[in-house]
Structures are given as structure tokens and as C-alpha cells.
């Protein structure tokens, strides 16, 4: 079951959300303050969090910031009384995924949650290579084999920005790129996206390069040239271990 956490200092709101989502198969957790909410997130790792913006003590924005530092993949839906542009902008900057304005209907909440659940279950893959034709070939081969979202980046810096702004499950990463190397990407990205799995690839047939990549945090290493089909099978194996592999259906 998907875990959903409701955080609101009005117990009645938590009750409404529990009655809405528990009957349709969610495990619903509740908290009435920020401190308890963060303890639950740390222990239970819910996939989705409904979070009130205005609470006594620790504010919703403070809680949002801490949640995203723990796990940027957690979907956070902010609940607010007033649709204030300044608050909305700050929440977006901190990583909020959606907004709900009180009063709300159960139907509207279900629609938002189901949309977020769909985003959670479809794996996202990033292909990083400074040779565009290679990146495009890998992306095409993966797209025809998996039900997934595939994006490409052509430099280490571009890859790091993509990873910061999205929740990628697997990154196929060329290690030896000019300027910002693949090792740099893995080292920096793990600080804010620890759930992302990195599959390193390099044209340098060197045990030293492979060792550096694995020590940095890559889950596996592939030497070029390797057929795109074989790389797709490697990614399939990683997704299967994560419980996210979905075969392409036509």
C-alpha cells in the first residue's frame, strides 16, 4: 500500500483526509504538528504528504524544506486557506509539488493524489552523454522496451540541474566528459537525490575509472562500446530491484 501522511493542526482535516483515502487502499498516517510530521517521514517514508502551510510552532514551509532534504522524491501537496502568491512562490522554490485551497472536496483531492501516484509509478530515466547521437540512441532503445519517461543531457552541469529539478530513478552517465565529469555529478547529486541510481559508462577501458565510479556511488559500470540493447537490460535489472520496472505494452 502507498503511504500517505496528512499534516494539519486541525485534527478534523486529518480525519477528513483519512476517511477519503483509507477506503481506497492508502495507508494513512497523521500528524498535528511539524515535529511529529518529520519523525513520521523519517521512520515511515510516505510517498505523498498533505501539508498545512500555517501551523503553530514549526510552519508548513519549514516542514516542507526538511522533508525535501530527507527525500526529494516525496510528493508534497500544500494545503492553504488563502491562495497567497508569495507563499505559493516560496513553497514552489522549496519543492512543493501541488497546492490545495481550503475548503476542498474529496473528489478534488483524489484527482490530485491519483495524478501524483501515476508520476511516482512511472520510472524516470536520464541519459547523460556529451555525444548527442549516442545519448539519443540509448534513449530510443530504452523507450521502446520500458514504460518510462526518458530525458537526455549533454553535459555534467546540465545533468546536475536536471536531477535537482526532477526525480530520476536511474541515470545512465558518461563518466569521462569535458569540464564537469560524471564522478562530479554522482558525488554532488547524492547529497540532494540519494534515491537516484547511477549506471556509469565510459569509453576508457580502465579498471581505475570503473573503481572511481563505483566508489563515488555508481551501482554498476559499463565499458563502451556496448550495444544499446545490453544497456537497456542493465537498466531493466536496476528498475526491477527498485520495484519500478514496467514492460512496454502496445
Protein backbone atom coordinates (compact mmCIF):
# COMPACT_ATOMS: atom_id res chain seq x y z
CA UNK A 1 0.00 0.00 0.00
CA UNK A 2 1.13 3.56 -0.70
CA UNK A 3 1.74 5.56 2.49
CA UNK A 4 0.13 8.99 2.67
CA UNK A 5 0.83 11.44 5.52
CA UNK A 6 -1.64 14.19 6.49
CA UNK A 7 -0.15 17.10 8.48
CA UNK A 8 -2.56 19.71 9.86
CA UNK A 9 -3.00 21.27 13.31
CA UNK A 10 -6.76 20.90 12.82
CA UNK A 11 -7.50 17.24 13.71
CA UNK A 12 -10.73 17.46 11.74
CA UNK A 13 -8.82 17.98 8.48
CA UNK A 14 -6.71 14.90 9.20
CA UNK A 15 -9.91 12.92 9.85
CA UNK A 16 -11.41 14.03 6.53
CA UNK A 17 -8.27 13.02 4.62
CA UNK A 18 -8.09 9.67 6.42
CA UNK A 19 -11.76 8.92 5.59
CA UNK A 20 -11.13 9.90 1.97
CA UNK A 21 -8.03 7.82 1.25
CA UNK A 22 -8.07 4.84 3.62
CA UNK A 23 -11.13 3.21 1.96
CA UNK A 24 -9.45 3.35 -1.48
CA UNK A 25 -6.33 1.48 -0.42
CA UNK A 26 -3.88 4.00 1.06
CA UNK A 27 -2.09 3.62 4.37
CA UNK A 28 -2.93 6.96 6.01
CA UNK A 29 -0.68 8.48 8.68
CA UNK A 30 -1.47 11.71 10.53
CA UNK A 31 0.37 14.40 12.47
CA UNK A 32 -0.87 17.66 14.02
CA UNK A 33 2.50 19.46 14.21
CA UNK A 34 5.72 19.76 12.26
CA UNK A 35 7.97 17.95 14.70
CA UNK A 36 5.79 14.83 14.74
CA UNK A 37 5.44 15.01 10.96
CA UNK A 38 9.21 14.92 10.43
CA UNK A 39 9.57 11.98 12.82
CA UNK A 40 6.96 10.06 10.81
CA UNK A 41 8.61 10.94 7.50
CA UNK A 42 11.98 9.75 8.78
CA UNK A 43 10.57 6.45 10.05
CA UNK A 44 7.82 5.62 7.55
CA UNK A 45 8.96 7.32 4.31
CA UNK A 46 5.49 8.13 2.96
CA UNK A 47 5.22 8.65 -0.79
CA UNK A 48 2.78 11.57 -0.52
CA UNK A 49 2.38 14.27 2.17
CA UNK A 50 -0.55 16.66 2.59
CA UNK A 51 0.96 19.60 4.49
CA UNK A 52 -0.83 22.61 6.00
CA UNK A 53 1.02 25.87 5.32
CA UNK A 54 0.03 27.64 8.54
CA UNK A 55 0.58 25.68 11.74
CA UNK A 56 1.52 26.64 15.27
CA UNK A 57 5.20 26.18 16.05
CA UNK A 58 7.03 24.84 13.00
CA UNK A 59 5.44 26.24 9.84
CA UNK A 60 4.46 24.18 6.84
CA UNK A 61 7.20 25.80 4.78
CA UNK A 62 9.83 24.80 7.35
CA UNK A 63 8.49 21.23 7.36
CA UNK A 64 8.47 21.17 3.55
CA UNK A 65 12.12 22.19 3.43
CA UNK A 66 13.13 19.42 5.85
CA UNK A 67 11.08 16.78 4.03
CA UNK A 68 12.70 17.58 0.70
CA UNK A 69 16.15 17.44 2.30
CA UNK A 70 15.34 13.96 3.64
CA UNK A 71 13.95 12.69 0.34
CA UNK A 72 13.26 14.92 -2.66
CA UNK A 73 11.14 12.17 -4.26
CA UNK A 74 8.37 12.54 -1.65
CA UNK A 75 5.40 14.32 -3.21
CA UNK A 76 4.28 17.23 -1.01
CA UNK A 77 0.84 18.77 -1.52
CA UNK A 78 0.47 22.05 0.36
CA UNK A 79 -2.87 22.92 2.00
CA UNK A 80 -3.65 26.60 2.42
CA UNK A 81 -6.60 28.81 3.39
CA UNK A 82 -5.54 31.77 1.24
CA UNK A 83 -4.07 31.40 -2.25
CA UNK A 84 -1.25 33.84 -1.47
CA UNK A 85 1.18 34.27 -4.39
CA UNK A 86 4.17 34.96 -2.14
CA UNK A 87 3.61 31.82 -0.07
CA UNK A 88 2.96 29.75 -3.18
CA UNK A 89 6.17 31.00 -4.79
CA UNK A 90 8.25 30.21 -1.71
CA UNK A 91 6.68 26.75 -1.44
CA UNK A 92 7.45 26.08 -5.10
CA UNK A 93 11.05 27.16 -4.55
CA UNK A 94 11.32 24.70 -1.67
CA UNK A 95 9.98 21.85 -3.79
CA UNK A 96 6.18 21.76 -3.28
CA UNK A 97 4.53 19.56 -5.91
CA UNK A 98 0.89 20.71 -5.68
CA UNK A 99 -1.46 23.10 -3.83
CA UNK A 100 -4.95 22.65 -2.39
CA UNK A 101 -7.01 25.61 -1.15
CA UNK A 102 -9.44 25.18 1.74
CA UNK A 103 -12.31 24.41 1.59
CA UNK A 104 -11.75 21.44 -0.73
CA UNK A 105 -13.77 18.49 -1.97
CA UNK A 106 -12.83 14.83 -1.58
CA UNK A 107 -13.11 14.40 -5.35
CA UNK A 108 -10.56 17.16 -5.99
CA UNK A 109 -8.14 15.59 -3.51
CA UNK A 110 -8.49 12.15 -5.08
CA UNK A 111 -7.79 13.57 -8.54
CA UNK A 112 -4.59 15.28 -7.36
CA UNK A 113 -3.35 12.22 -5.46
CA UNK A 114 -4.01 9.83 -8.34
CA UNK A 115 -2.05 12.15 -10.63
CA UNK A 116 0.87 12.13 -8.21
CA UNK A 117 0.67 8.35 -7.79
CA UNK A 118 0.91 7.92 -11.55
CA UNK A 119 4.02 10.12 -11.57
CA UNK A 120 5.51 8.01 -8.79
CA UNK A 121 4.95 4.67 -10.50
CA UNK A 122 6.28 5.54 -13.99
CA UNK A 123 10.09 5.38 -13.76
CA UNK A 124 12.12 8.35 -14.94
CA UNK A 125 15.46 7.80 -16.65
CA UNK A 126 18.10 10.37 -17.58
CA UNK A 127 20.70 9.68 -20.29
CA UNK A 128 23.87 11.79 -19.98
CA UNK A 129 26.48 11.81 -22.73
CA UNK A 130 28.40 14.65 -24.39
CA UNK A 131 27.87 12.94 -27.78
CA UNK A 132 24.23 13.72 -28.71
CA UNK A 133 23.89 10.84 -31.18
CA UNK A 134 24.89 8.31 -28.51
CA UNK A 135 22.51 9.81 -25.94
CA UNK A 136 19.65 9.80 -28.46
CA UNK A 137 20.34 6.16 -29.46
CA UNK A 138 20.29 4.99 -25.85
CA UNK A 139 17.12 6.98 -25.16
CA UNK A 140 15.36 5.43 -28.17
CA UNK A 141 16.33 1.86 -27.23
CA UNK A 142 15.14 2.32 -23.65
CA UNK A 143 11.87 3.98 -24.67
CA UNK A 144 10.82 1.05 -26.85
CA UNK A 145 11.50 -1.51 -24.08
CA UNK A 146 10.11 0.14 -20.94
CA UNK A 147 7.06 2.10 -19.90
CA UNK A 148 9.06 5.09 -18.68
CA UNK A 149 9.91 8.75 -19.13
CA UNK A 150 13.31 9.35 -20.74
CA UNK A 151 15.24 12.62 -20.81
CA UNK A 152 18.72 13.46 -22.10
CA UNK A 153 21.50 15.82 -21.04
CA UNK A 154 24.73 16.54 -22.90
CA UNK A 155 27.00 17.77 -20.10
CA UNK A 156 27.65 17.15 -16.43
CA UNK A 157 26.35 20.58 -15.39
CA UNK A 158 23.17 20.13 -17.41
CA UNK A 159 22.67 16.70 -15.86
CA UNK A 160 23.05 18.05 -12.33
CA UNK A 161 20.43 20.74 -12.98
CA UNK A 162 18.00 18.15 -14.37
CA UNK A 163 18.49 15.90 -11.34
CA UNK A 164 17.94 18.89 -8.99
CA UNK A 165 14.65 19.77 -10.69
CA UNK A 166 13.21 16.28 -11.21
CA UNK A 167 13.07 12.89 -9.50
CA UNK A 168 15.02 10.49 -11.72
CA UNK A 169 15.11 6.83 -10.77
CA UNK A 170 18.09 5.87 -12.95
CA UNK A 171 20.79 7.98 -14.59
CA UNK A 172 22.91 6.43 -17.36
CA UNK A 173 26.00 8.59 -17.02
CA UNK A 174 29.09 9.00 -19.19
CA UNK A 175 31.97 9.32 -16.75
CA UNK A 176 34.62 10.98 -18.92
CA UNK A 177 33.06 14.26 -20.06
CA UNK A 178 34.94 17.56 -20.51
CA UNK A 179 34.68 20.01 -17.63
CA UNK A 180 32.20 18.64 -15.11
CA UNK A 181 32.82 14.89 -15.04
CA UNK A 182 30.43 12.05 -14.33
CA UNK A 183 32.19 11.46 -10.99
CA UNK A 184 31.41 15.08 -10.05
CA UNK A 185 27.75 14.55 -10.96
CA UNK A 186 27.41 11.42 -8.81
CA UNK A 187 29.19 12.99 -5.82
CA UNK A 188 27.10 16.17 -5.83
CA UNK A 189 23.75 14.62 -6.81
CA UNK A 190 23.79 12.09 -3.99
CA UNK A 191 23.57 14.94 -1.47
CA UNK A 192 20.10 16.01 -2.65
CA UNK A 193 18.86 12.96 -4.58
CA UNK A 194 20.02 9.88 -2.63
CA UNK A 195 17.34 7.64 -4.14
CA UNK A 196 18.70 8.02 -7.71
CA UNK A 197 20.68 5.06 -9.09
CA UNK A 198 23.67 5.85 -11.32
CA UNK A 199 24.78 3.46 -14.06
CA UNK A 200 28.25 4.63 -15.15
CA UNK A 201 29.56 4.19 -18.69
CA UNK A 202 32.89 5.10 -20.27
CA UNK A 203 34.91 4.57 -23.43
CA UNK A 204 38.05 4.34 -21.29
CA UNK A 205 38.72 0.64 -20.72
CA UNK A 206 40.32 1.28 -17.36
CA UNK A 207 39.81 -0.53 -14.07
CA UNK A 208 40.84 2.67 -12.31
CA UNK A 209 37.97 4.64 -13.90
CA UNK A 210 35.50 1.88 -13.04
CA UNK A 211 36.72 1.76 -9.44
CA UNK A 212 36.40 5.54 -9.04
CA UNK A 213 32.85 5.47 -10.39
CA UNK A 214 31.78 2.65 -8.08
CA UNK A 215 33.43 4.28 -5.06
CA UNK A 216 31.64 7.55 -5.87
CA UNK A 217 28.31 5.70 -5.69
CA UNK A 218 27.52 4.20 -9.10
CA UNK A 219 25.61 0.89 -8.85
CA UNK A 220 27.38 -0.58 -11.88
CA UNK A 221 29.89 0.26 -14.62
CA UNK A 222 29.80 -0.47 -18.36
CA UNK A 223 32.63 -0.11 -20.86
CA UNK A 224 31.93 1.39 -24.30
CA UNK A 225 31.23 0.24 -26.90
CA UNK A 226 28.29 -1.76 -25.56
CA UNK A 227 25.13 -2.45 -27.59
CA UNK A 228 22.21 -0.24 -26.59
CA UNK A 229 20.12 -3.38 -26.04
CA UNK A 230 22.58 -4.65 -23.40
CA UNK A 231 22.50 -1.29 -21.62
CA UNK A 232 18.70 -1.36 -21.66
CA UNK A 233 18.81 -4.78 -19.98
CA UNK A 234 21.12 -3.38 -17.28
CA UNK A 235 18.64 -0.57 -16.60
CA UNK A 236 15.79 -3.08 -16.59
CA UNK A 237 17.60 -5.03 -13.86
CA UNK A 238 18.11 -1.88 -11.75
CA UNK A 239 14.44 -0.90 -12.11
CA UNK A 240 13.35 -4.44 -11.22
CA UNK A 241 15.36 -4.29 -7.99
CA UNK A 242 13.67 -0.96 -7.20
CA UNK A 243 10.24 -2.47 -7.92
CA UNK A 244 9.70 0.03 -10.77
CA UNK A 245 10.20 -1.97 -13.95
CA UNK A 246 7.22 -1.74 -16.30
CA UNK A 247 7.42 -3.53 -19.67
CA UNK A 248 6.25 -1.60 -22.68
CA UNK A 249 2.77 -2.64 -23.81
CA UNK A 250 1.46 -1.82 -27.24
